[in-house]
Amino acid sequence: MNEAKAIARLKRGDIAGLEVLVRQYQVKATRAAYLITQDRALAEDIVQTAFLRVYNRIQQLDSSRPFAPWFLRIVVNDAVKAAQRQQQAVSLNGETDIGEEWIESLVDAAPNPADAVEAAELRLTVWQALSRLSPEKRAAIVLRYYLELGEREMADQLAIPIGTVKWRLHAAREQLRDLLRPLVGNEVRRQESE
């Protein structure tokens, strides 16, 4: 069953249509939520709740528009809100549970052990840098570079002006550049010594 048929069935009250949408979008949505919240259980809860919301509000979906942006907007907005609540409740010691085993599922495995170690170190470094961004900036990075949305699409998804999107992307990239500068400097020195 294709997406259009699944949505039509869902609009008629047939929950079997939801199963098709879950199979098609669950992994991508969960990864997007996780990249924003940095909490696996929370990301999974957000996506489950989003699918329940889809079931209850499918009549609001304009059939002439694609499902994915509508659904992912729900997921990203809920993830940003959850991350903001989580950020307010972070302990004073500033420690975070990175969930290394689940991060591994976000990217393909490296082809050899040396590359695997280097890739793991890079993922960890980038992950730590992302965790230092605000939820809004993380959402901008996820929407642009993981979900591959353009700035106009991001503005539509987040229901904010395109100027705000551009500012968030710029600020997020600048902050990431500053956080990752030591890594880039070490890489250049390593290549020069080889």
N, C-alpha and C. Protein backbone atom coordinates (compact mmCIF):
# COMPACT_ATOMS: atom_id res chain seq x y z
N MET A 1 0.86 -1.18 0.00
CA MET A 1 0.00 0.00 0.00
C MET A 1 0.90 1.23 0.00
N ASN A 2 0.59 2.19 -0.87
CA ASN A 2 1.41 3.41 -0.92
C ASN A 2 0.91 4.42 0.11
N GLU A 3 1.66 5.51 0.23
CA GLU A 3 1.36 6.52 1.25
C GLU A 3 -0.02 7.15 1.05
N ALA A 4 -0.37 7.49 -0.17
CA ALA A 4 -1.66 8.13 -0.44
C ALA A 4 -2.81 7.21 -0.05
N LYS A 5 -2.70 5.92 -0.37
CA LYS A 5 -3.75 4.96 0.00
C LYS A 5 -3.81 4.80 1.52
N ALA A 6 -2.64 4.80 2.16
CA ALA A 6 -2.60 4.66 3.62
C ALA A 6 -3.30 5.85 4.28
N ILE A 7 -3.04 7.04 3.77
CA ILE A 7 -3.68 8.24 4.33
C ILE A 7 -5.18 8.20 4.09
N ALA A 8 -5.60 7.78 2.89
CA ALA A 8 -7.03 7.68 2.60
C ALA A 8 -7.70 6.68 3.54
N ARG A 9 -7.06 5.54 3.77
CA ARG A 9 -7.62 4.55 4.71
C ARG A 9 -7.70 5.13 6.12
N LEU A 10 -6.66 5.84 6.50
CA LEU A 10 -6.63 6.43 7.84
C LEU A 10 -7.73 7.47 7.99
N LYS A 11 -7.96 8.25 6.94
CA LYS A 11 -9.03 9.25 6.99
C LYS A 11 -10.41 8.60 7.08
N ARG A 12 -10.52 7.36 6.61
CA ARG A 12 -11.80 6.63 6.74
C ARG A 12 -11.90 5.93 8.09
N GLY A 13 -10.88 6.08 8.94
CA GLY A 13 -10.91 5.49 10.27
C GLY A 13 -10.26 4.12 10.35
N ASP A 14 -9.62 3.66 9.28
CA ASP A 14 -8.96 2.37 9.25
C ASP A 14 -7.53 2.52 9.75
N ILE A 15 -7.26 1.99 10.93
CA ILE A 15 -5.95 2.15 11.56
C ILE A 15 -4.84 1.43 10.80
N ALA A 16 -5.19 0.52 9.90
CA ALA A 16 -4.17 -0.17 9.10
C ALA A 16 -3.36 0.83 8.28
N GLY A 17 -3.96 1.95 7.92
CA GLY A 17 -3.23 2.98 7.19
C GLY A 17 -2.08 3.56 8.01
N LEU A 18 -2.26 3.62 9.31
CA LEU A 18 -1.21 4.17 10.18
C LEU A 18 0.01 3.26 10.19
N GLU A 19 -0.20 1.96 10.10
CA GLU A 19 0.91 1.01 10.11
C GLU A 19 1.90 1.29 8.97
N VAL A 20 1.37 1.62 7.80
CA VAL A 20 2.22 1.93 6.65
C VAL A 20 3.05 3.17 6.93
N LEU A 21 2.42 4.19 7.49
CA LEU A 21 3.12 5.44 7.79
C LEU A 21 4.18 5.23 8.88
N VAL A 22 3.87 4.42 9.86
CA VAL A 22 4.83 4.13 10.93
C VAL A 22 6.06 3.44 10.33
N ARG A 23 5.83 2.42 9.49
CA ARG A 23 6.97 1.72 8.89
C ARG A 23 7.82 2.67 8.05
N GLN A 24 7.18 3.60 7.37
CA GLN A 24 7.91 4.48 6.46
C GLN A 24 8.66 5.60 7.19
N TYR A 25 8.11 6.13 8.28
CA TYR A 25 8.68 7.35 8.89
C TYR A 25 9.20 7.20 10.31
N GLN A 26 9.01 6.07 10.95
CA GLN A 26 9.39 5.94 12.35
C GLN A 26 10.88 6.15 12.59
N VAL A 27 11.71 5.51 11.80
CA VAL A 27 13.17 5.60 12.03
C VAL A 27 13.65 7.04 11.80
N LYS A 28 13.26 7.63 10.69
CA LYS A 28 13.71 9.00 10.38
C LYS A 28 13.22 9.98 11.44
N ALA A 29 11.96 9.84 11.86
CA ALA A 29 11.40 10.74 12.86
C ALA A 29 12.09 10.56 14.21
N THR A 30 12.36 9.31 14.59
CA THR A 30 13.00 9.04 15.87
C THR A 30 14.42 9.59 15.88
N ARG A 31 15.12 9.42 14.78
CA ARG A 31 16.48 9.96 14.71
C ARG A 31 16.47 11.48 14.79
N ALA A 32 15.53 12.11 14.10
CA ALA A 32 15.44 13.58 14.16
C ALA A 32 15.15 14.03 15.59
N ALA A 33 14.19 13.38 16.24
CA ALA A 33 13.85 13.74 17.63
C ALA A 33 15.04 13.50 18.55
N TYR A 34 15.75 12.41 18.32
CA TYR A 34 16.90 12.10 19.16
C TYR A 34 18.03 13.12 18.99
N LEU A 35 18.26 13.52 17.75
CA LEU A 35 19.30 14.51 17.51
C LEU A 35 18.99 15.83 18.21
N ILE A 36 17.72 16.13 18.37
CA ILE A 36 17.33 17.37 19.05
C ILE A 36 17.31 17.20 20.56
N THR A 37 16.70 16.11 21.05
CA THR A 37 16.55 15.93 22.50
C THR A 37 17.77 15.29 23.14
N GLN A 38 18.51 14.47 22.38
CA GLN A 38 19.66 13.73 22.87
C GLN A 38 19.27 12.75 23.99
N ASP A 39 18.06 12.23 23.87
CA ASP A 39 17.53 11.28 24.84
C ASP A 39 16.71 10.25 24.08
N ARG A 40 17.20 9.01 24.03
CA ARG A 40 16.56 7.97 23.22
C ARG A 40 15.12 7.71 23.64
N ALA A 41 14.90 7.49 24.92
CA ALA A 41 13.54 7.18 25.38
C ALA A 41 12.59 8.34 25.09
N LEU A 42 13.06 9.54 25.33
CA LEU A 42 12.24 10.72 25.07
C LEU A 42 11.93 10.84 23.58
N ALA A 43 12.91 10.60 22.73
CA ALA A 43 12.70 10.66 21.28
C ALA A 43 11.66 9.64 20.84
N GLU A 44 11.77 8.43 21.37
CA GLU A 44 10.79 7.39 21.02
C GLU A 44 9.39 7.77 21.49
N ASP A 45 9.30 8.34 22.69
CA ASP A 45 7.99 8.80 23.20
C ASP A 45 7.41 9.90 22.34
N ILE A 46 8.25 10.82 21.92
CA ILE A 46 7.80 11.93 21.08
C ILE A 46 7.21 11.40 19.78
N VAL A 47 7.90 10.45 19.17
CA VAL A 47 7.44 9.91 17.89
C VAL A 47 6.16 9.10 18.07
N GLN A 48 6.08 8.32 19.13
CA GLN A 48 4.84 7.58 19.40
C GLN A 48 3.67 8.54 19.57
N THR A 49 3.88 9.58 20.33
CA THR A 49 2.83 10.57 20.55
C THR A 49 2.47 11.26 19.24
N ALA A 50 3.46 11.53 18.40
CA ALA A 50 3.20 12.17 17.11
C ALA A 50 2.34 11.27 16.22
N PHE A 51 2.60 9.97 16.23
CA PHE A 51 1.77 9.06 15.43
C PHE A 51 0.35 8.99 15.98
N LEU A 52 0.20 9.03 17.29
CA LEU A 52 -1.15 9.08 17.87
C LEU A 52 -1.87 10.36 17.46
N ARG A 53 -1.12 11.45 17.45
CA ARG A 53 -1.69 12.72 17.02
C ARG A 53 -2.10 12.66 15.55
N VAL A 54 -1.29 12.01 14.73
CA VAL A 54 -1.64 11.83 13.32
C VAL A 54 -2.96 11.07 13.21
N TYR A 55 -3.09 10.00 13.96
CA TYR A 55 -4.32 9.21 13.91
C TYR A 55 -5.53 10.07 14.30
N ASN A 56 -5.38 10.87 15.33
CA ASN A 56 -6.50 11.68 15.81
C ASN A 56 -6.77 12.91 14.96
N ARG A 57 -5.75 13.41 14.25
CA ARG A 57 -5.90 14.66 13.50
C ARG A 57 -5.69 14.51 12.00
N ILE A 58 -5.77 13.30 11.49
CA ILE A 58 -5.49 13.09 10.07
C ILE A 58 -6.42 13.90 9.18
N GLN A 59 -7.60 14.23 9.65
CA GLN A 59 -8.54 15.03 8.85
C GLN A 59 -7.99 16.43 8.59
N GLN A 60 -7.07 16.90 9.42
CA GLN A 60 -6.48 18.22 9.24
C GLN A 60 -5.45 18.26 8.12
N LEU A 61 -4.97 17.10 7.69
CA LEU A 61 -3.97 17.04 6.63
C LEU A 61 -4.64 17.33 5.29
N ASP A 62 -4.14 18.34 4.61
CA ASP A 62 -4.62 18.67 3.26
C ASP A 62 -4.10 17.57 2.33
N SER A 63 -5.00 16.86 1.70
CA SER A 63 -4.62 15.72 0.86
C SER A 63 -3.76 16.11 -0.33
N SER A 64 -3.77 17.39 -0.70
CA SER A 64 -2.94 17.83 -1.82
C SER A 64 -1.50 18.10 -1.40
N ARG A 65 -1.23 18.08 -0.12
CA ARG A 65 0.11 18.35 0.38
C ARG A 65 0.76 17.06 0.87
N PRO A 66 2.08 16.99 0.84
CA PRO A 66 2.76 15.76 1.26
C PRO A 66 2.65 15.54 2.77
N PHE A 67 2.66 14.28 3.16
CA PHE A 67 2.52 13.89 4.55
C PHE A 67 3.79 14.19 5.36
N ALA A 68 4.95 13.88 4.79
CA ALA A 68 6.22 13.94 5.55
C ALA A 68 6.47 15.30 6.21
N PRO A 69 6.36 16.42 5.50
CA PRO A 69 6.63 17.70 6.17
C PRO A 69 5.64 17.99 7.31
N TRP A 70 4.39 17.64 7.10
CA TRP A 70 3.36 17.86 8.13
C TRP A 70 3.71 17.03 9.37
N PHE A 71 4.05 15.77 9.17
CA PHE A 71 4.37 14.89 10.29
C PHE A 71 5.67 15.30 10.97
N LEU A 72 6.70 15.56 10.19
CA LEU A 72 7.99 15.91 10.78
C LEU A 72 7.93 17.25 11.51
N ARG A 73 7.04 18.13 11.09
CA ARG A 73 6.87 19.39 11.83
C ARG A 73 6.36 19.09 13.24
N ILE A 74 5.42 18.18 13.35
CA ILE A 74 4.91 17.78 14.67
C ILE A 74 6.06 17.24 15.51
N VAL A 75 6.86 16.34 14.93
CA VAL A 75 7.96 15.71 15.67
C VAL A 75 9.00 16.74 16.10
N VAL A 76 9.44 17.58 15.17
CA VAL A 76 10.49 18.56 15.48
C VAL A 76 10.01 19.57 16.53
N ASN A 77 8.80 20.07 16.37
CA ASN A 77 8.28 21.03 17.35
C ASN A 77 8.18 20.41 18.74
N ASP A 78 7.68 19.17 18.82
CA ASP A 78 7.59 18.50 20.12
C ASP A 78 8.97 18.21 20.69
N ALA A 79 9.93 17.87 19.83
CA ALA A 79 11.29 17.60 20.30
C ALA A 79 11.95 18.87 20.85
N VAL A 80 11.74 19.99 20.17
CA VAL A 80 12.30 21.25 20.65
C VAL A 80 11.71 21.60 22.01
N LYS A 81 10.40 21.48 22.14
CA LYS A 81 9.74 21.79 23.42
C LYS A 81 10.26 20.87 24.53
N ALA A 82 10.38 19.58 24.22
CA ALA A 82 10.87 18.63 25.22
C ALA A 82 12.32 18.92 25.60
N ALA A 83 13.14 19.27 24.61
CA ALA A 83 14.54 19.59 24.90
C ALA A 83 14.66 20.85 25.75
N GLN A 84 13.79 21.82 25.48
CA GLN A 84 13.80 23.04 26.30
C GLN A 84 13.43 22.71 27.74
N ARG A 85 12.39 21.87 27.92
CA ARG A 85 12.01 21.48 29.29
C ARG A 85 13.14 20.70 29.95
N GLN A 86 13.76 19.82 29.18
CA GLN A 86 14.87 19.01 29.69
C GLN A 86 16.06 19.88 30.07
N GLN A 87 16.35 20.89 29.24
CA GLN A 87 17.47 21.79 29.49
C GLN A 87 17.27 22.56 30.79
N GLN A 88 16.04 22.91 31.08
CA GLN A 88 15.75 23.63 32.31
C GLN A 88 15.93 22.75 33.53
N ALA A 89 15.82 21.43 33.33
CA ALA A 89 15.90 20.50 34.45
C ALA A 89 17.25 19.80 34.54
N VAL A 90 18.24 20.21 33.75
CA VAL A 90 19.56 19.56 33.76
C VAL A 90 20.21 19.76 35.12
N SER A 91 20.90 18.72 35.57
CA SER A 91 21.56 18.80 36.87
C SER A 91 22.70 19.81 36.82
N LEU A 92 23.12 20.25 37.96
CA LEU A 92 24.16 21.27 38.05
C LEU A 92 25.53 20.76 37.61
N ASN A 93 25.74 19.45 37.63
CA ASN A 93 27.05 18.95 37.26
C ASN A 93 27.27 18.94 35.75
N GLY A 94 26.22 19.15 34.98
CA GLY A 94 26.36 19.29 33.54
C GLY A 94 26.66 18.00 32.80
N GLU A 95 26.61 16.86 33.48
CA GLU A 95 26.88 15.60 32.80
C GLU A 95 25.68 15.20 31.96
N THR A 96 25.97 14.59 30.81
CA THR A 96 24.90 14.09 29.95
C THR A 96 25.16 12.64 29.62
N ASP A 97 24.09 11.87 29.48
CA ASP A 97 24.20 10.47 29.08
C ASP A 97 24.11 10.42 27.57
N ILE A 98 25.22 10.17 26.92
CA ILE A 98 25.29 10.24 25.47
C ILE A 98 24.64 9.04 24.81
N GLY A 99 24.62 7.89 25.45
CA GLY A 99 24.01 6.73 24.84
C GLY A 99 24.80 6.27 23.63
N GLU A 100 26.07 5.98 23.83
CA GLU A 100 26.99 5.65 22.74
C GLU A 100 26.46 4.55 21.84
N GLU A 101 25.84 3.51 22.43
CA GLU A 101 25.37 2.41 21.59
C GLU A 101 24.28 2.85 20.63
N TRP A 102 23.46 3.80 21.03
CA TRP A 102 22.39 4.25 20.13
C TRP A 102 22.93 5.24 19.11
N ILE A 103 23.93 6.01 19.46
CA ILE A 103 24.55 6.92 18.50
C ILE A 103 25.09 6.11 17.32
N GLU A 104 25.62 4.93 17.61
CA GLU A 104 26.16 4.07 16.56
C GLU A 104 25.12 3.79 15.48
N SER A 105 23.85 3.73 15.84
CA SER A 105 22.80 3.44 14.86
C SER A 105 22.48 4.64 13.97
N LEU A 106 23.04 5.80 14.28
CA LEU A 106 22.74 6.99 13.50
C LEU A 106 23.55 7.07 12.21
N VAL A 107 24.63 6.32 12.13
CA VAL A 107 25.48 6.36 10.94
C VAL A 107 25.87 4.95 10.54
N ASP A 108 26.30 4.80 9.30
CA ASP A 108 26.76 3.50 8.83
C ASP A 108 28.08 3.15 9.50
N ALA A 109 28.33 1.84 9.64
CA ALA A 109 29.58 1.37 10.24
C ALA A 109 30.74 1.65 9.29
N ALA A 110 31.90 1.95 9.85
CA ALA A 110 33.09 2.20 9.04
C ALA A 110 33.62 0.87 8.49
N PRO A 111 34.30 0.90 7.34
CA PRO A 111 34.73 -0.34 6.71
C PRO A 111 35.89 -1.06 7.39
N ASN A 112 36.72 -0.37 8.16
CA ASN A 112 37.82 -1.07 8.81
C ASN A 112 37.99 -0.55 10.24
N PRO A 113 38.71 -1.29 11.10
CA PRO A 113 38.82 -0.91 12.51
C PRO A 113 39.42 0.47 12.75
N ALA A 114 40.46 0.84 12.01
CA ALA A 114 41.07 2.16 12.23
C ALA A 114 40.08 3.27 11.87
N ASP A 115 39.38 3.09 10.76
CA ASP A 115 38.37 4.06 10.38
C ASP A 115 37.23 4.09 11.39
N ALA A 116 36.90 2.92 11.92
CA ALA A 116 35.81 2.84 12.91
C ALA A 116 36.16 3.63 14.17
N VAL A 117 37.38 3.51 14.62
CA VAL A 117 37.81 4.25 15.81
C VAL A 117 37.79 5.75 15.54
N GLU A 118 38.35 6.13 14.39
CA GLU A 118 38.38 7.55 14.03
C GLU A 118 36.97 8.10 13.88
N ALA A 119 36.09 7.35 13.24
CA ALA A 119 34.71 7.79 13.05
C ALA A 119 33.99 7.90 14.38
N ALA A 120 34.24 6.95 15.29
CA ALA A 120 33.61 6.99 16.60
C ALA A 120 34.06 8.23 17.38
N GLU A 121 35.35 8.54 17.30
CA GLU A 121 35.87 9.73 17.98
C GLU A 121 35.25 10.99 17.40
N LEU A 122 35.15 11.03 16.08
CA LEU A 122 34.55 12.19 15.42
C LEU A 122 33.08 12.34 15.79
N ARG A 123 32.33 11.21 15.76
CA ARG A 123 30.91 11.26 16.14
C ARG A 123 30.74 11.77 17.57
N LEU A 124 31.57 11.27 18.47
CA LEU A 124 31.50 11.68 19.86
C LEU A 124 31.79 13.17 20.01
N THR A 125 32.81 13.65 19.31
CA THR A 125 33.17 15.06 19.37
C THR A 125 32.05 15.94 18.81
N VAL A 126 31.52 15.55 17.65
CA VAL A 126 30.42 16.32 17.06
C VAL A 126 29.19 16.24 17.96
N TRP A 127 28.93 15.06 18.50
CA TRP A 127 27.79 14.90 19.40
C TRP A 127 27.92 15.82 20.61
N GLN A 128 29.10 15.87 21.18
CA GLN A 128 29.31 16.74 22.34
C GLN A 128 29.15 18.20 21.96
N ALA A 129 29.61 18.56 20.77
CA ALA A 129 29.44 19.94 20.31
C ALA A 129 27.95 20.25 20.09
N LEU A 130 27.22 19.33 19.48
CA LEU A 130 25.78 19.54 19.27
C LEU A 130 25.04 19.68 20.60
N SER A 131 25.47 18.92 21.59
CA SER A 131 24.79 18.97 22.89
C SER A 131 24.95 20.33 23.57
N ARG A 132 25.93 21.11 23.13
CA ARG A 132 26.15 22.43 23.73
C ARG A 132 25.32 23.51 23.06
N LEU A 133 24.65 23.16 21.95
CA LEU A 133 23.76 24.12 21.28
C LEU A 133 22.41 24.15 21.98
N SER A 134 21.71 25.24 21.83
CA SER A 134 20.35 25.32 22.37
C SER A 134 19.45 24.39 21.56
N PRO A 135 18.31 23.97 22.11
CA PRO A 135 17.40 23.11 21.35
C PRO A 135 16.98 23.73 20.01
N GLU A 136 16.79 25.04 19.98
CA GLU A 136 16.39 25.70 18.74
C GLU A 136 17.48 25.60 17.68
N LYS A 137 18.73 25.78 18.10
CA LYS A 137 19.85 25.68 17.16
C LYS A 137 20.05 24.24 16.71
N ARG A 138 19.91 23.28 17.64
CA ARG A 138 20.00 21.86 17.26
C ARG A 138 18.93 21.52 16.25
N ALA A 139 17.71 22.03 16.47
CA ALA A 139 16.62 21.76 15.53
C ALA A 139 16.95 22.32 14.15
N ALA A 140 17.53 23.50 14.10
CA ALA A 140 17.91 24.09 12.82
C ALA A 140 18.93 23.21 12.10
N ILE A 141 19.93 22.73 12.82
CA ILE A 141 20.95 21.86 12.22
C ILE A 141 20.32 20.55 11.75
N VAL A 142 19.45 19.96 12.55
CA VAL A 142 18.81 18.70 12.18
C VAL A 142 17.94 18.88 10.95
N LEU A 143 17.13 19.93 10.94
CA LEU A 143 16.25 20.17 9.79
C LEU A 143 17.06 20.40 8.51
N ARG A 144 18.14 21.16 8.61
CA ARG A 144 18.91 21.51 7.42
C ARG A 144 19.80 20.37 6.93
N TYR A 145 20.54 19.76 7.85
CA TYR A 145 21.57 18.82 7.43
C TYR A 145 21.17 17.35 7.57
N TYR A 146 20.20 17.03 8.43
CA TYR A 146 19.75 15.65 8.54
C TYR A 146 18.51 15.42 7.69
N LEU A 147 17.52 16.29 7.83
CA LEU A 147 16.29 16.15 7.04
C LEU A 147 16.40 16.83 5.69
N GLU A 148 17.50 17.58 5.47
CA GLU A 148 17.83 18.20 4.19
C GLU A 148 16.74 19.15 3.68
N LEU A 149 16.19 19.95 4.59
CA LEU A 149 15.20 20.94 4.19
C LEU A 149 15.89 22.25 3.81
N GLY A 150 15.30 22.97 2.88
CA GLY A 150 15.77 24.30 2.54
C GLY A 150 15.29 25.30 3.59
N GLU A 151 15.81 26.51 3.52
CA GLU A 151 15.45 27.52 4.53
C GLU A 151 13.95 27.84 4.50
N ARG A 152 13.36 27.94 3.33
CA ARG A 152 11.93 28.23 3.22
C ARG A 152 11.11 27.10 3.86
N GLU A 153 11.51 25.84 3.57
CA GLU A 153 10.82 24.70 4.16
C GLU A 153 10.99 24.69 5.68
N MET A 154 12.17 25.06 6.14
CA MET A 154 12.40 25.12 7.59
C MET A 154 11.51 26.17 8.23
N ALA A 155 11.40 27.32 7.59
CA ALA A 155 10.54 28.38 8.12
C ALA A 155 9.10 27.90 8.19
N ASP A 156 8.65 27.20 7.16
CA ASP A 156 7.30 26.66 7.16
C ASP A 156 7.13 25.61 8.25
N GLN A 157 8.12 24.72 8.39
CA GLN A 157 8.05 23.66 9.40
C GLN A 157 7.97 24.22 10.81
N LEU A 158 8.77 25.24 11.06
CA LEU A 158 8.85 25.80 12.42
C LEU A 158 7.88 26.95 12.65
N ALA A 159 7.21 27.37 11.58
CA ALA A 159 6.26 28.49 11.65
C ALA A 159 6.94 29.75 12.20
N ILE A 160 8.12 30.03 11.64
CA ILE A 160 8.87 31.23 12.03
C ILE A 160 9.32 31.93 10.75
N PRO A 161 9.67 33.21 10.84
CA PRO A 161 10.15 33.92 9.65
C PRO A 161 11.45 33.32 9.12
N ILE A 162 11.66 33.43 7.82
CA ILE A 162 12.87 32.89 7.20
C ILE A 162 14.12 33.57 7.74
N GLY A 163 14.00 34.83 8.13
CA GLY A 163 15.13 35.53 8.73
C GLY A 163 15.57 34.88 10.03
N THR A 164 14.61 34.40 10.81
CA THR A 164 14.93 33.71 12.06
C THR A 164 15.63 32.39 11.77
N VAL A 165 15.16 31.70 10.73
CA VAL A 165 15.81 30.45 10.33
C VAL A 165 17.25 30.71 9.95
N LYS A 166 17.47 31.74 9.13
CA LYS A 166 18.83 32.06 8.70
C LYS A 166 19.71 32.42 9.88
N TRP A 167 19.17 33.17 10.82
CA TRP A 167 19.94 33.55 12.00
C TRP A 167 20.29 32.31 12.82
N ARG A 168 19.31 31.42 13.05
CA ARG A 168 19.58 30.22 13.85
C ARG A 168 20.64 29.35 13.18
N LEU A 169 20.53 29.18 11.87
CA LEU A 169 21.53 28.38 11.16
C LEU A 169 22.91 29.02 11.27
N HIS A 170 22.97 30.32 11.05
CA HIS A 170 24.25 31.03 11.14
C HIS A 170 24.84 30.90 12.54
N ALA A 171 24.02 31.17 13.54
CA ALA A 171 24.50 31.12 14.92
C ALA A 171 24.93 29.70 15.29
N ALA A 172 24.17 28.71 14.85
CA ALA A 172 24.51 27.31 15.16
C ALA A 172 25.82 26.92 14.49
N ARG A 173 25.98 27.29 13.21
CA ARG A 173 27.23 26.96 12.51
C ARG A 173 28.42 27.65 13.14
N GLU A 174 28.26 28.91 13.52
CA GLU A 174 29.35 29.64 14.18
C GLU A 174 29.73 28.97 15.50
N GLN A 175 28.73 28.62 16.29
CA GLN A 175 29.01 27.99 17.57
C GLN A 175 29.67 26.63 17.36
N LEU A 176 29.18 25.85 16.40
CA LEU A 176 29.80 24.56 16.10
C LEU A 176 31.23 24.74 15.61
N ARG A 177 31.45 25.74 14.78
CA ARG A 177 32.80 26.01 14.27
C ARG A 177 33.75 26.29 15.45
N ASP A 178 33.29 27.11 16.39
CA ASP A 178 34.13 27.42 17.55
C ASP A 178 34.38 26.17 18.40
N LEU A 179 33.35 25.36 18.57
CA LEU A 179 33.48 24.17 19.40
C LEU A 179 34.36 23.10 18.74
N LEU A 180 34.31 23.05 17.40
CA LEU A 180 35.06 22.01 16.68
C LEU A 180 36.43 22.48 16.18
N ARG A 181 36.74 23.76 16.39
CA ARG A 181 38.02 24.31 15.93
C ARG A 181 39.23 23.49 16.42
N PRO A 182 39.27 23.08 17.69
CA PRO A 182 40.42 22.27 18.12
C PRO A 182 40.53 20.97 17.33
N LEU A 183 39.42 20.37 16.98
CA LEU A 183 39.44 19.13 16.21
C LEU A 183 40.02 19.37 14.82
N VAL A 184 39.61 20.44 14.18
CA VAL A 184 40.10 20.77 12.85
C VAL A 184 41.60 21.06 12.89
N GLY A 185 42.03 21.79 13.90
CA GLY A 185 43.45 22.09 14.05
C GLY A 185 44.27 20.83 14.25
N ASN A 186 43.78 19.89 15.05
CA ASN A 186 44.48 18.62 15.27
C ASN A 186 44.54 17.81 13.98
N GLU A 187 43.48 17.81 13.19
CA GLU A 187 43.44 17.07 11.93
C GLU A 187 44.47 17.63 10.95
N VAL A 188 44.56 18.95 10.85
CA VAL A 188 45.53 19.57 9.94
C VAL A 188 46.95 19.21 10.37
N ARG A 189 47.22 19.30 11.69
CA ARG A 189 48.56 18.96 12.19
C ARG A 189 48.87 17.48 11.93
N ARG A 190 47.87 16.60 12.08
CA ARG A 190 48.07 15.17 11.85
C ARG A 190 48.40 14.90 10.39
N GLN A 191 47.69 15.55 9.47
CA GLN A 191 47.94 15.36 8.04
C GLN A 191 49.31 15.91 7.65
N GLU A 192 49.72 17.01 8.24
CA GLU A 192 51.03 17.59 7.92
C GLU A 192 52.16 16.68 8.40
N SER A 193 51.94 15.95 9.49
CA SER A 193 53.00 15.09 10.02
C SER A 193 53.10 13.76 9.26
N GLU A 194 52.09 13.43 8.48
CA GLU A 194 52.12 12.16 7.73
C GLU A 194 52.95 12.23 6.50
